[in-house]
Amino acid sequence: NDIVMGHTAAFRAIELAPEDSSCYVLLSNIYAKAGRWDDVSKVRSMMK
């Protein structure tokens, strides 16, 4: 449950592998776990 570190790691991973869906999914799940549904929507919009 470390949202700050997860956010940093996710964007580093996405930068290196922008087509790897698991990077986005893990970040989305971190936000969902914390109830931050607006951020979840932003991640899904980014994927789309």
All heavy atoms as atom14 arrays in JSON, in Angstrom:
{
  "sequence": "NDIVMGHTAAFRAIELAPEDSSCYVLLSNIYAKAGRWDDVSKVRSMMK",
  "atom14_mask": [
    [1, 1, 1, 1, 1, 1, 1, 1, 0, 0, 0, 0, 0, 0],
    [1, 1, 1, 1, 1, 1, 1, 1, 0, 0, 0, 0, 0, 0],
    [1, 1, 1, 1, 1, 1, 1, 1, 0, 0, 0, 0, 0, 0],
    [1, 1, 1, 1, 1, 1, 1, 0, 0, 0, 0, 0, 0, 0],
    [1, 1, 1, 1, 1, 1, 1, 1, 0, 0, 0, 0, 0, 0],
    [1, 1, 1, 1, 0, 0, 0, 0, 0, 0, 0, 0, 0, 0],
    [1, 1, 1, 1, 1, 1, 1, 1, 1, 1, 0, 0, 0, 0],
    [1, 1, 1, 1, 1, 1, 1, 0, 0, 0, 0, 0, 0, 0],
    [1, 1, 1, 1, 1, 0, 0, 0, 0, 0, 0, 0, 0, 0],
    [1, 1, 1, 1, 1, 0, 0, 0, 0, 0, 0, 0, 0, 0],
    [1, 1, 1, 1, 1, 1, 1, 1, 1, 1, 1, 0, 0, 0],
    [1, 1, 1, 1, 1, 1, 1, 1, 1, 1, 1, 0, 0, 0],
    [1, 1, 1, 1, 1, 0, 0, 0, 0, 0, 0, 0, 0, 0],
    [1, 1, 1, 1, 1, 1, 1, 1, 0, 0, 0, 0, 0, 0],
    [1, 1, 1, 1, 1, 1, 1, 1, 1, 0, 0, 0, 0, 0],
    [1, 1, 1, 1, 1, 1, 1, 1, 0, 0, 0, 0, 0, 0],
    [1, 1, 1, 1, 1, 0, 0, 0, 0, 0, 0, 0, 0, 0],
    [1, 1, 1, 1, 1, 1, 1, 0, 0, 0, 0, 0, 0, 0],
    [1, 1, 1, 1, 1, 1, 1, 1, 1, 0, 0, 0, 0, 0],
    [1, 1, 1, 1, 1, 1, 1, 1, 0, 0, 0, 0, 0, 0],
    [1, 1, 1, 1, 1, 1, 0, 0, 0, 0, 0, 0, 0, 0],
    [1, 1, 1, 1, 1, 1, 0, 0, 0, 0, 0, 0, 0, 0],
    [1, 1, 1, 1, 1, 1, 0, 0, 0, 0, 0, 0, 0, 0],
    [1, 1, 1, 1, 1, 1, 1, 1, 1, 1, 1, 1, 0, 0],
    [1, 1, 1, 1, 1, 1, 1, 0, 0, 0, 0, 0, 0, 0],
    [1, 1, 1, 1, 1, 1, 1, 1, 0, 0, 0, 0, 0, 0],
    [1, 1, 1, 1, 1, 1, 1, 1, 0, 0, 0, 0, 0, 0],
    [1, 1, 1, 1, 1, 1, 0, 0, 0, 0, 0, 0, 0, 0],
    [1, 1, 1, 1, 1, 1, 1, 1, 0, 0, 0, 0, 0, 0],
    [1, 1, 1, 1, 1, 1, 1, 1, 0, 0, 0, 0, 0, 0],
    [1, 1, 1, 1, 1, 1, 1, 1, 1, 1, 1, 1, 0, 0],
    [1, 1, 1, 1, 1, 0, 0, 0, 0, 0, 0, 0, 0, 0],
    [1, 1, 1, 1, 1, 1, 1, 1, 1, 0, 0, 0, 0, 0],
    [1, 1, 1, 1, 1, 0, 0, 0, 0, 0, 0, 0, 0, 0],
    [1, 1, 1, 1, 0, 0, 0, 0, 0, 0, 0, 0, 0, 0],
    [1, 1, 1, 1, 1, 1, 1, 1, 1, 1, 1, 0, 0, 0],
    [1, 1, 1, 1, 1, 1, 1, 1, 1, 1, 1, 1, 1, 1],
    [1, 1, 1, 1, 1, 1, 1, 1, 0, 0, 0, 0, 0, 0],
    [1, 1, 1, 1, 1, 1, 1, 1, 0, 0, 0, 0, 0, 0],
    [1, 1, 1, 1, 1, 1, 1, 0, 0, 0, 0, 0, 0, 0],
    [1, 1, 1, 1, 1, 1, 0, 0, 0, 0, 0, 0, 0, 0],
    [1, 1, 1, 1, 1, 1, 1, 1, 1, 0, 0, 0, 0, 0],
    [1, 1, 1, 1, 1, 1, 1, 0, 0, 0, 0, 0, 0, 0],
    [1, 1, 1, 1, 1, 1, 1, 1, 1, 1, 1, 0, 0, 0],
    [1, 1, 1, 1, 1, 1, 0, 0, 0, 0, 0, 0, 0, 0],
    [1, 1, 1, 1, 1, 1, 1, 1, 0, 0, 0, 0, 0, 0],
    [1, 1, 1, 1, 1, 1, 1, 1, 0, 0, 0, 0, 0, 0],
    [1, 1, 1, 1, 1, 1, 1, 1, 1, 0, 0, 0, 0, 0]
  ],
  "atom14_positions": [
    [[0.81, -1.24, 0.0], [0.0, 0.0, 0.0], [0.84, 1.28, 0.0], [0.54, 2.24, 0.71], [-0.95, 0.02, 1.22], [-1.88, -1.17, 1.23], [-2.5, -1.48, 0.21], [-1.99, -1.85, 2.35], [0.0, 0.0, 0.0], [0.0, 0.0, 0.0], [0.0, 0.0, 0.0], [0.0, 0.0, 0.0], [0.0, 0.0, 0.0], [0.0, 0.0, 0.0]],
    [[1.88, 1.29, -0.81], [2.72, 2.49, -0.94], [2.38, 3.17, -2.26], [2.97, 2.87, -3.3], [4.2, 2.12, -0.88], [5.1, 3.34, -0.69], [4.78, 4.4, -1.24], [6.13, 3.23, -0.01], [0.0, 0.0, 0.0], [0.0, 0.0, 0.0], [0.0, 0.0, 0.0], [0.0, 0.0, 0.0], [0.0, 0.0, 0.0], [0.0, 0.0, 0.0]],
    [[1.41, 4.08, -2.23], [0.91, 4.71, -3.46], [1.97, 5.59, -4.11], [2.13, 5.58, -5.34], [-0.36, 5.54, -3.16], [-1.48, 4.62, -2.65], [-0.82, 6.29, -4.41], [-2.73, 5.36, -2.24], [0.0, 0.0, 0.0], [0.0, 0.0, 0.0], [0.0, 0.0, 0.0], [0.0, 0.0, 0.0], [0.0, 0.0, 0.0], [0.0, 0.0, 0.0]],
    [[2.71, 6.33, -3.33], [3.7, 7.27, -3.88], [4.78, 6.51, -4.65], [5.11, 6.84, -5.8], [4.34, 8.12, -2.76], [5.45, 8.99, -3.32], [3.27, 8.99, -2.09], [0.0, 0.0, 0.0], [0.0, 0.0, 0.0], [0.0, 0.0, 0.0], [0.0, 0.0, 0.0], [0.0, 0.0, 0.0], [0.0, 0.0, 0.0], [0.0, 0.0, 0.0]],
    [[5.33, 5.49, -4.0], [6.38, 4.72, -4.66], [5.82, 3.95, -5.85], [6.48, 3.8, -6.89], [7.04, 3.75, -3.67], [8.36, 3.17, -4.18], [9.24, 2.21, -2.93], [9.77, 3.5, -1.81], [0.0, 0.0, 0.0], [0.0, 0.0, 0.0], [0.0, 0.0, 0.0], [0.0, 0.0, 0.0], [0.0, 0.0, 0.0], [0.0, 0.0, 0.0]],
    [[4.6, 3.45, -5.71], [3.96, 2.74, -6.81], [3.76, 3.62, -8.02], [3.98, 3.2, -9.17], [0.0, 0.0, 0.0], [0.0, 0.0, 0.0], [0.0, 0.0, 0.0], [0.0, 0.0, 0.0], [0.0, 0.0, 0.0], [0.0, 0.0, 0.0], [0.0, 0.0, 0.0], [0.0, 0.0, 0.0], [0.0, 0.0, 0.0], [0.0, 0.0, 0.0]],
    [[3.35, 4.86, -7.78], [3.14, 5.83, -8.86], [4.46, 6.07, -9.61], [4.52, 6.05, -10.85], [2.61, 7.15, -8.27], [2.36, 8.21, -9.29], [3.35, 9.07, -9.72], [1.25, 8.55, -10.0], [2.87, 9.89, -10.63], [1.58, 9.6, -10.81], [0.0, 0.0, 0.0], [0.0, 0.0, 0.0], [0.0, 0.0, 0.0], [0.0, 0.0, 0.0]],
    [[5.55, 6.29, -8.86], [6.86, 6.53, -9.47], [7.32, 5.33, -10.28], [7.77, 5.47, -11.43], [7.91, 6.84, -8.38], [7.49, 7.97, -7.63], [9.28, 7.1, -8.99], [0.0, 0.0, 0.0], [0.0, 0.0, 0.0], [0.0, 0.0, 0.0], [0.0, 0.0, 0.0], [0.0, 0.0, 0.0], [0.0, 0.0, 0.0], [0.0, 0.0, 0.0]],
    [[7.22, 4.14, -9.68], [7.65, 2.91, -10.35], [6.84, 2.65, -11.62], [7.37, 2.24, -12.65], [7.55, 1.72, -9.4], [0.0, 0.0, 0.0], [0.0, 0.0, 0.0], [0.0, 0.0, 0.0], [0.0, 0.0, 0.0], [0.0, 0.0, 0.0], [0.0, 0.0, 0.0], [0.0, 0.0, 0.0], [0.0, 0.0, 0.0], [0.0, 0.0, 0.0]],
    [[5.52, 2.91, -11.54], [4.64, 2.66, -12.68], [5.04, 3.51, -13.88], [5.14, 3.01, -15.01], [3.19, 2.93, -12.3], [0.0, 0.0, 0.0], [0.0, 0.0, 0.0], [0.0, 0.0, 0.0], [0.0, 0.0, 0.0], [0.0, 0.0, 0.0], [0.0, 0.0, 0.0], [0.0, 0.0, 0.0], [0.0, 0.0, 0.0], [0.0, 0.0, 0.0]],
    [[5.29, 4.8, -13.63], [5.61, 5.67, -14.76], [7.01, 5.41, -15.31], [7.25, 5.61, -16.5], [5.39, 7.13, -14.38], [3.95, 7.52, -14.47], [3.12, 7.47, -13.36], [3.4, 7.88, -15.7], [1.77, 7.79, -13.46], [2.05, 8.21, -15.8], [1.23, 8.17, -14.68], [0.0, 0.0, 0.0], [0.0, 0.0, 0.0], [0.0, 0.0, 0.0]],
    [[7.93, 4.93, -14.46], [9.24, 4.51, -14.97], [9.07, 3.28, -15.87], [9.69, 3.18, -16.93], [10.18, 4.18, -13.8], [10.6, 5.38, -12.98], [11.59, 6.27, -13.75], [12.09, 7.35, -12.93], [13.17, 7.29, -12.16], [13.88, 6.17, -12.1], [13.55, 8.34, -11.46], [0.0, 0.0, 0.0], [0.0, 0.0, 0.0], [0.0, 0.0, 0.0]],
    [[8.23, 2.35, -15.41], [7.98, 1.12, -16.19], [7.27, 1.44, -17.51], [7.63, 0.9, -18.56], [7.16, 0.14, -15.37], [0.0, 0.0, 0.0], [0.0, 0.0, 0.0], [0.0, 0.0, 0.0], [0.0, 0.0, 0.0], [0.0, 0.0, 0.0], [0.0, 0.0, 0.0], [0.0, 0.0, 0.0], [0.0, 0.0, 0.0], [0.0, 0.0, 0.0]],
    [[6.27, 2.31, -17.45], [5.52, 2.68, -18.66], [6.43, 3.4, -19.66], [6.32, 3.19, -20.88], [4.31, 3.56, -18.28], [3.25, 2.7, -17.57], [3.71, 4.24, -19.51], [2.14, 3.49, -16.91], [0.0, 0.0, 0.0], [0.0, 0.0, 0.0], [0.0, 0.0, 0.0], [0.0, 0.0, 0.0], [0.0, 0.0, 0.0], [0.0, 0.0, 0.0]],
    [[7.34, 4.19, -19.14], [8.29, 4.89, -20.02], [9.16, 3.89, -20.79], [9.47, 4.08, -21.96], [9.17, 5.81, -19.18], [10.13, 6.68, -19.98], [10.98, 7.57, -19.09], [10.64, 7.73, -17.9], [11.99, 8.08, -19.59], [0.0, 0.0, 0.0], [0.0, 0.0, 0.0], [0.0, 0.0, 0.0], [0.0, 0.0, 0.0], [0.0, 0.0, 0.0]],
    [[9.56, 2.8, -20.1], [10.42, 1.79, -20.73], [9.64, 0.82, -21.61], [10.19, 0.31, -22.6], [11.16, 0.99, -19.64], [12.22, 1.76, -18.85], [12.66, 0.97, -17.63], [13.42, 2.07, -19.73], [0.0, 0.0, 0.0], [0.0, 0.0, 0.0], [0.0, 0.0, 0.0], [0.0, 0.0, 0.0], [0.0, 0.0, 0.0], [0.0, 0.0, 0.0]],
    [[8.39, 0.55, -21.25], [7.57, -0.42, -22.02], [6.15, 0.12, -22.16], [5.23, -0.36, -21.49], [7.58, -1.78, -21.32], [0.0, 0.0, 0.0], [0.0, 0.0, 0.0], [0.0, 0.0, 0.0], [0.0, 0.0, 0.0], [0.0, 0.0, 0.0], [0.0, 0.0, 0.0], [0.0, 0.0, 0.0], [0.0, 0.0, 0.0], [0.0, 0.0, 0.0]],
    [[5.96, 1.11, -23.03], [4.64, 1.75, -23.15], [3.53, 0.83, -23.64], [2.36, 1.16, -23.49], [4.89, 2.9, -24.14], [6.14, 2.52, -24.88], [6.96, 1.73, -23.93], [0.0, 0.0, 0.0], [0.0, 0.0, 0.0], [0.0, 0.0, 0.0], [0.0, 0.0, 0.0], [0.0, 0.0, 0.0], [0.0, 0.0, 0.0], [0.0, 0.0, 0.0]],
    [[3.88, -0.32, -24.21], [2.86, -1.25, -24.71], [2.56, -2.39, -23.74], [1.72, -3.24, -24.02], [3.31, -1.83, -26.06], [3.44, -0.77, -27.15], [3.9, -1.35, -28.47], [4.16, -2.58, -28.52], [4.01, -0.6, -29.44], [0.0, 0.0, 0.0], [0.0, 0.0, 0.0], [0.0, 0.0, 0.0], [0.0, 0.0, 0.0], [0.0, 0.0, 0.0]],
    [[3.23, -2.42, -22.6], [3.03, -3.48, -21.6], [1.82, -3.13, -20.73], [1.88, -2.26, -19.87], [4.29, -3.62, -20.75], [4.21, -4.79, -19.77], [3.1, -5.32, -19.53], [5.27, -5.18, -19.23], [0.0, 0.0, 0.0], [0.0, 0.0, 0.0], [0.0, 0.0, 0.0], [0.0, 0.0, 0.0], [0.0, 0.0, 0.0], [0.0, 0.0, 0.0]],
    [[0.73, -3.84, -20.95], [-0.52, -3.52, -20.26], [-0.43, -3.72, -18.75], [-1.11, -3.04, -17.97], [-1.66, -4.37, -20.81], [-1.43, -5.75, -20.55], [0.0, 0.0, 0.0], [0.0, 0.0, 0.0], [0.0, 0.0, 0.0], [0.0, 0.0, 0.0], [0.0, 0.0, 0.0], [0.0, 0.0, 0.0], [0.0, 0.0, 0.0], [0.0, 0.0, 0.0]],
    [[0.43, -4.65, -18.3], [0.5, -4.95, -16.87], [0.96, -3.75, -16.05], [0.58, -3.6, -14.88], [1.42, -6.15, -16.61], [2.75, -5.86, -16.97], [0.0, 0.0, 0.0], [0.0, 0.0, 0.0], [0.0, 0.0, 0.0], [0.0, 0.0, 0.0], [0.0, 0.0, 0.0], [0.0, 0.0, 0.0], [0.0, 0.0, 0.0], [0.0, 0.0, 0.0]],
    [[1.79, -2.87, -16.63], [2.24, -1.67, -15.91], [1.05, -0.78, -15.57], [0.93, -0.27, -14.44], [3.25, -0.89, -16.76], [4.69, -1.84, -17.29], [0.0, 0.0, 0.0], [0.0, 0.0, 0.0], [0.0, 0.0, 0.0], [0.0, 0.0, 0.0], [0.0, 0.0, 0.0], [0.0, 0.0, 0.0], [0.0, 0.0, 0.0], [0.0, 0.0, 0.0]],
    [[0.18, -0.57, -16.56], [-1.01, 0.27, -16.36], [-1.98, -0.4, -15.38], [-2.55, 0.27, -14.52], [-1.72, 0.5, -17.69], [-0.89, 1.16, -18.76], [-0.11, 0.4, -19.62], [-0.91, 2.55, -18.94], [0.65, 0.99, -20.63], [-0.17, 3.15, -19.95], [0.61, 2.36, -20.78], [1.35, 2.95, -21.78], [0.0, 0.0, 0.0], [0.0, 0.0, 0.0]],
    [[-2.15, -1.71, -15.54], [-3.11, -2.44, -14.71], [-2.7, -2.39, -13.24], [-3.53, -2.15, -12.36], [-3.25, -3.89, -15.19], [-4.08, -4.72, -14.19], [-3.9, -3.94, -16.57], [0.0, 0.0, 0.0], [0.0, 0.0, 0.0], [0.0, 0.0, 0.0], [0.0, 0.0, 0.0], [0.0, 0.0, 0.0], [0.0, 0.0, 0.0], [0.0, 0.0, 0.0]],
    [[-1.41, -2.59, -12.97], [-0.94, -2.55, -11.59], [-1.14, -1.16, -10.97], [-1.56, -1.03, -9.82], [0.54, -2.94, -11.53], [0.84, -4.45, -11.62], [2.32, -4.68, -11.85], [0.37, -5.17, -10.36], [0.0, 0.0, 0.0], [0.0, 0.0, 0.0], [0.0, 0.0, 0.0], [0.0, 0.0, 0.0], [0.0, 0.0, 0.0], [0.0, 0.0, 0.0]],
    [[-0.84, -0.12, -11.76], [-1.05, 1.25, -11.26], [-2.53, 1.5, -11.0], [-2.92, 2.06, -9.96], [-0.51, 2.26, -12.26], [-0.69, 3.74, -11.89], [0.01, 4.06, -10.56], [-0.17, 4.65, -13.0], [0.0, 0.0, 0.0], [0.0, 0.0, 0.0], [0.0, 0.0, 0.0], [0.0, 0.0, 0.0], [0.0, 0.0, 0.0], [0.0, 0.0, 0.0]],
    [[-3.38, 1.07, -11.93], [-4.82, 1.23, -11.77], [-5.3, 0.51, -10.5], [-6.13, 1.03, -9.74], [-5.54, 0.68, -13.0], [-6.93, 0.7, -12.83], [0.0, 0.0, 0.0], [0.0, 0.0, 0.0], [0.0, 0.0, 0.0], [0.0, 0.0, 0.0], [0.0, 0.0, 0.0], [0.0, 0.0, 0.0], [0.0, 0.0, 0.0], [0.0, 0.0, 0.0]],
    [[-4.76, -0.68, -10.26], [-5.16, -1.46, -9.09], [-4.73, -0.8, -7.78], [-5.44, -0.87, -6.77], [-4.58, -2.87, -9.18], [-5.23, -3.69, -10.27], [-6.24, -3.29, -10.86], [-4.66, -4.84, -10.58], [0.0, 0.0, 0.0], [0.0, 0.0, 0.0], [0.0, 0.0, 0.0], [0.0, 0.0, 0.0], [0.0, 0.0, 0.0], [0.0, 0.0, 0.0]],
    [[-3.56, -0.16, -7.8], [-3.11, 0.57, -6.61], [-4.09, 1.69, -6.28], [-4.49, 1.88, -5.12], [-1.69, 1.14, -6.82], [-0.66, 0.01, -6.8], [-1.34, 2.18, -5.75], [0.77, 0.47, -7.09], [0.0, 0.0, 0.0], [0.0, 0.0, 0.0], [0.0, 0.0, 0.0], [0.0, 0.0, 0.0], [0.0, 0.0, 0.0], [0.0, 0.0, 0.0]],
    [[-4.49, 2.43, -7.32], [-5.45, 3.52, -7.11], [-6.8, 2.96, -6.65], [-7.44, 3.52, -5.74], [-5.63, 4.31, -8.41], [-4.46, 5.19, -8.78], [-4.09, 5.36, -10.11], [-3.72, 5.86, -7.82], [-3.02, 6.16, -10.47], [-2.65, 6.67, -8.16], [-2.3, 6.82, -9.49], [-1.24, 7.62, -9.85], [0.0, 0.0, 0.0], [0.0, 0.0, 0.0]],
    [[-7.24, 1.86, -7.28], [-8.54, 1.27, -6.91], [-8.54, 0.79, -5.47], [-9.52, 0.95, -4.74], [-8.86, 0.12, -7.86], [0.0, 0.0, 0.0], [0.0, 0.0, 0.0], [0.0, 0.0, 0.0], [0.0, 0.0, 0.0], [0.0, 0.0, 0.0], [0.0, 0.0, 0.0], [0.0, 0.0, 0.0], [0.0, 0.0, 0.0], [0.0, 0.0, 0.0]],
    [[-7.42, 0.21, -5.06], [-7.29, -0.3, -3.7], [-7.44, 0.84, -2.68], [-7.95, 0.65, -1.58], [-5.92, -0.97, -3.55], [-5.83, -1.97, -2.41], [-4.48, -2.71, -2.48], [-4.36, -3.66, -1.3], [-3.04, -4.35, -1.31], [0.0, 0.0, 0.0], [0.0, 0.0, 0.0], [0.0, 0.0, 0.0], [0.0, 0.0, 0.0], [0.0, 0.0, 0.0]],
    [[-7.0, 2.06, -3.1], [-7.09, 3.23, -2.22], [-8.39, 4.0, -2.44], [-8.61, 5.05, -1.8], [-5.89, 4.15, -2.48], [0.0, 0.0, 0.0], [0.0, 0.0, 0.0], [0.0, 0.0, 0.0], [0.0, 0.0, 0.0], [0.0, 0.0, 0.0], [0.0, 0.0, 0.0], [0.0, 0.0, 0.0], [0.0, 0.0, 0.0], [0.0, 0.0, 0.0]],
    [[-9.26, 3.51, -3.32], [-10.53, 4.17, -3.58], [-10.41, 5.44, -4.41], [-11.33, 6.26, -4.45], [0.0, 0.0, 0.0], [0.0, 0.0, 0.0], [0.0, 0.0, 0.0], [0.0, 0.0, 0.0], [0.0, 0.0, 0.0], [0.0, 0.0, 0.0], [0.0, 0.0, 0.0], [0.0, 0.0, 0.0], [0.0, 0.0, 0.0], [0.0, 0.0, 0.0]],
    [[-9.31, 5.6, -5.13], [-9.1, 6.8, -5.96], [-9.6, 6.51, -7.37], [-8.83, 6.31, -8.31], [-7.61, 7.18, -5.94], [-7.17, 7.68, -4.57], [-5.66, 7.83, -4.42], [-5.05, 8.67, -5.44], [-3.78, 9.1, -5.37], [-3.03, 8.78, -4.31], [-3.27, 9.85, -6.33], [0.0, 0.0, 0.0], [0.0, 0.0, 0.0], [0.0, 0.0, 0.0]],
    [[-10.91, 6.49, -7.55], [-11.52, 6.06, -8.8], [-11.29, 7.04, -9.95], [-11.24, 6.63, -11.12], [-13.02, 5.82, -8.59], [-13.26, 4.74, -7.57], [-13.74, 4.88, -6.31], [-12.95, 3.35, -7.73], [-13.77, 3.67, -5.66], [-13.3, 2.7, -6.51], [-12.43, 2.57, -8.76], [-13.14, 1.34, -6.31], [-12.26, 1.2, -8.56], [-12.61, 0.61, -7.35]],
    [[-11.12, 8.32, -9.63], [-10.8, 9.28, -10.69], [-9.45, 8.96, -11.32], [-9.28, 9.03, -12.55], [-10.77, 10.71, -10.14], [-12.16, 11.24, -9.81], [-13.14, 10.63, -10.32], [-12.27, 12.24, -9.08], [0.0, 0.0, 0.0], [0.0, 0.0, 0.0], [0.0, 0.0, 0.0], [0.0, 0.0, 0.0], [0.0, 0.0, 0.0], [0.0, 0.0, 0.0]],
    [[-8.49, 8.58, -10.48], [-7.18, 8.21, -10.99], [-7.24, 6.9, -11.79], [-6.52, 6.73, -12.78], [-6.17, 8.07, -9.85], [-5.8, 9.42, -9.25], [-5.7, 10.39, -10.02], [-5.61, 9.51, -8.02], [0.0, 0.0, 0.0], [0.0, 0.0, 0.0], [0.0, 0.0, 0.0], [0.0, 0.0, 0.0], [0.0, 0.0, 0.0], [0.0, 0.0, 0.0]],
    [[-8.11, 6.0, -11.34], [-8.31, 4.76, -12.1], [-8.81, 5.08, -13.51], [-8.32, 4.53, -14.5], [-9.32, 3.83, -11.38], [-9.72, 2.66, -12.28], [-8.75, 3.32, -10.06], [0.0, 0.0, 0.0], [0.0, 0.0, 0.0], [0.0, 0.0, 0.0], [0.0, 0.0, 0.0], [0.0, 0.0, 0.0], [0.0, 0.0, 0.0], [0.0, 0.0, 0.0]],
    [[-9.76, 5.99, -13.6], [-10.31, 6.39, -14.9], [-9.24, 7.03, -15.78], [-9.19, 6.8, -17.0], [-11.47, 7.38, -14.72], [-12.53, 6.77, -14.02], [0.0, 0.0, 0.0], [0.0, 0.0, 0.0], [0.0, 0.0, 0.0], [0.0, 0.0, 0.0], [0.0, 0.0, 0.0], [0.0, 0.0, 0.0], [0.0, 0.0, 0.0], [0.0, 0.0, 0.0]],
    [[-8.35, 7.82, -15.17], [-7.28, 8.46, -15.94], [-6.33, 7.42, -16.53], [-5.88, 7.54, -17.68], [-6.5, 9.43, -15.03], [-7.27, 10.69, -14.69], [-6.46, 11.56, -13.72], [-7.27, 12.8, -13.3], [-6.53, 13.61, -12.3], [0.0, 0.0, 0.0], [0.0, 0.0, 0.0], [0.0, 0.0, 0.0], [0.0, 0.0, 0.0], [0.0, 0.0, 0.0]],
    [[-6.01, 6.4, -15.73], [-5.11, 5.34, -16.22], [-5.77, 4.59, -17.38], [-5.13, 4.32, -18.41], [-4.74, 4.36, -15.1], [-3.94, 3.18, -15.65], [-3.94, 5.06, -14.01], [0.0, 0.0, 0.0], [0.0, 0.0, 0.0], [0.0, 0.0, 0.0], [0.0, 0.0, 0.0], [0.0, 0.0, 0.0], [0.0, 0.0, 0.0], [0.0, 0.0, 0.0]],
    [[-7.06, 4.3, -17.24], [-7.77, 3.59, -18.31], [-7.88, 4.43, -19.58], [-7.77, 3.92, -20.69], [-9.16, 3.17, -17.82], [-9.07, 2.04, -16.8], [-10.42, 1.59, -16.35], [-10.29, 0.54, -15.35], [-11.27, 0.16, -14.55], [-12.45, 0.72, -14.64], [-11.08, -0.81, -13.67], [0.0, 0.0, 0.0], [0.0, 0.0, 0.0], [0.0, 0.0, 0.0]],
    [[-8.07, 5.72, -19.4], [-8.12, 6.63, -20.55], [-6.76, 6.67, -21.25], [-6.68, 6.7, -22.49], [-8.5, 8.05, -20.11], [-9.81, 8.06, -19.57], [0.0, 0.0, 0.0], [0.0, 0.0, 0.0], [0.0, 0.0, 0.0], [0.0, 0.0, 0.0], [0.0, 0.0, 0.0], [0.0, 0.0, 0.0], [0.0, 0.0, 0.0], [0.0, 0.0, 0.0]],
    [[-5.7, 6.65, -20.45], [-4.35, 6.64, -21.02], [-4.14, 5.37, -21.85], [-3.58, 5.42, -22.95], [-3.32, 6.7, -19.89], [-1.88, 6.89, -20.38], [-0.64, 6.59, -19.08], [-1.22, 7.66, -17.77], [0.0, 0.0, 0.0], [0.0, 0.0, 0.0], [0.0, 0.0, 0.0], [0.0, 0.0, 0.0], [0.0, 0.0, 0.0], [0.0, 0.0, 0.0]],
    [[-4.59, 4.23, -21.33], [-4.46, 2.97, -22.06], [-5.23, 3.02, -23.37], [-4.71, 2.61, -24.43], [-4.99, 1.8, -21.2], [-4.14, 1.46, -20.0], [-4.85, 0.11, -19.01], [-4.61, -1.3, -20.1], [0.0, 0.0, 0.0], [0.0, 0.0, 0.0], [0.0, 0.0, 0.0], [0.0, 0.0, 0.0], [0.0, 0.0, 0.0], [0.0, 0.0, 0.0]],
    [[-6.44, 3.55, -23.31], [-7.28, 3.63, -24.51], [-6.65, 4.55, -25.55], [-6.63, 4.24, -26.75], [-8.68, 4.13, -24.13], [-9.69, 4.04, -25.25], [-11.08, 4.4, -24.75], [-12.11, 4.26, -25.88], [-13.47, 4.61, -25.41], [0.0, 0.0, 0.0], [0.0, 0.0, 0.0], [0.0, 0.0, 0.0], [0.0, 0.0, 0.0], [0.0, 0.0, 0.0]]
  ]
}
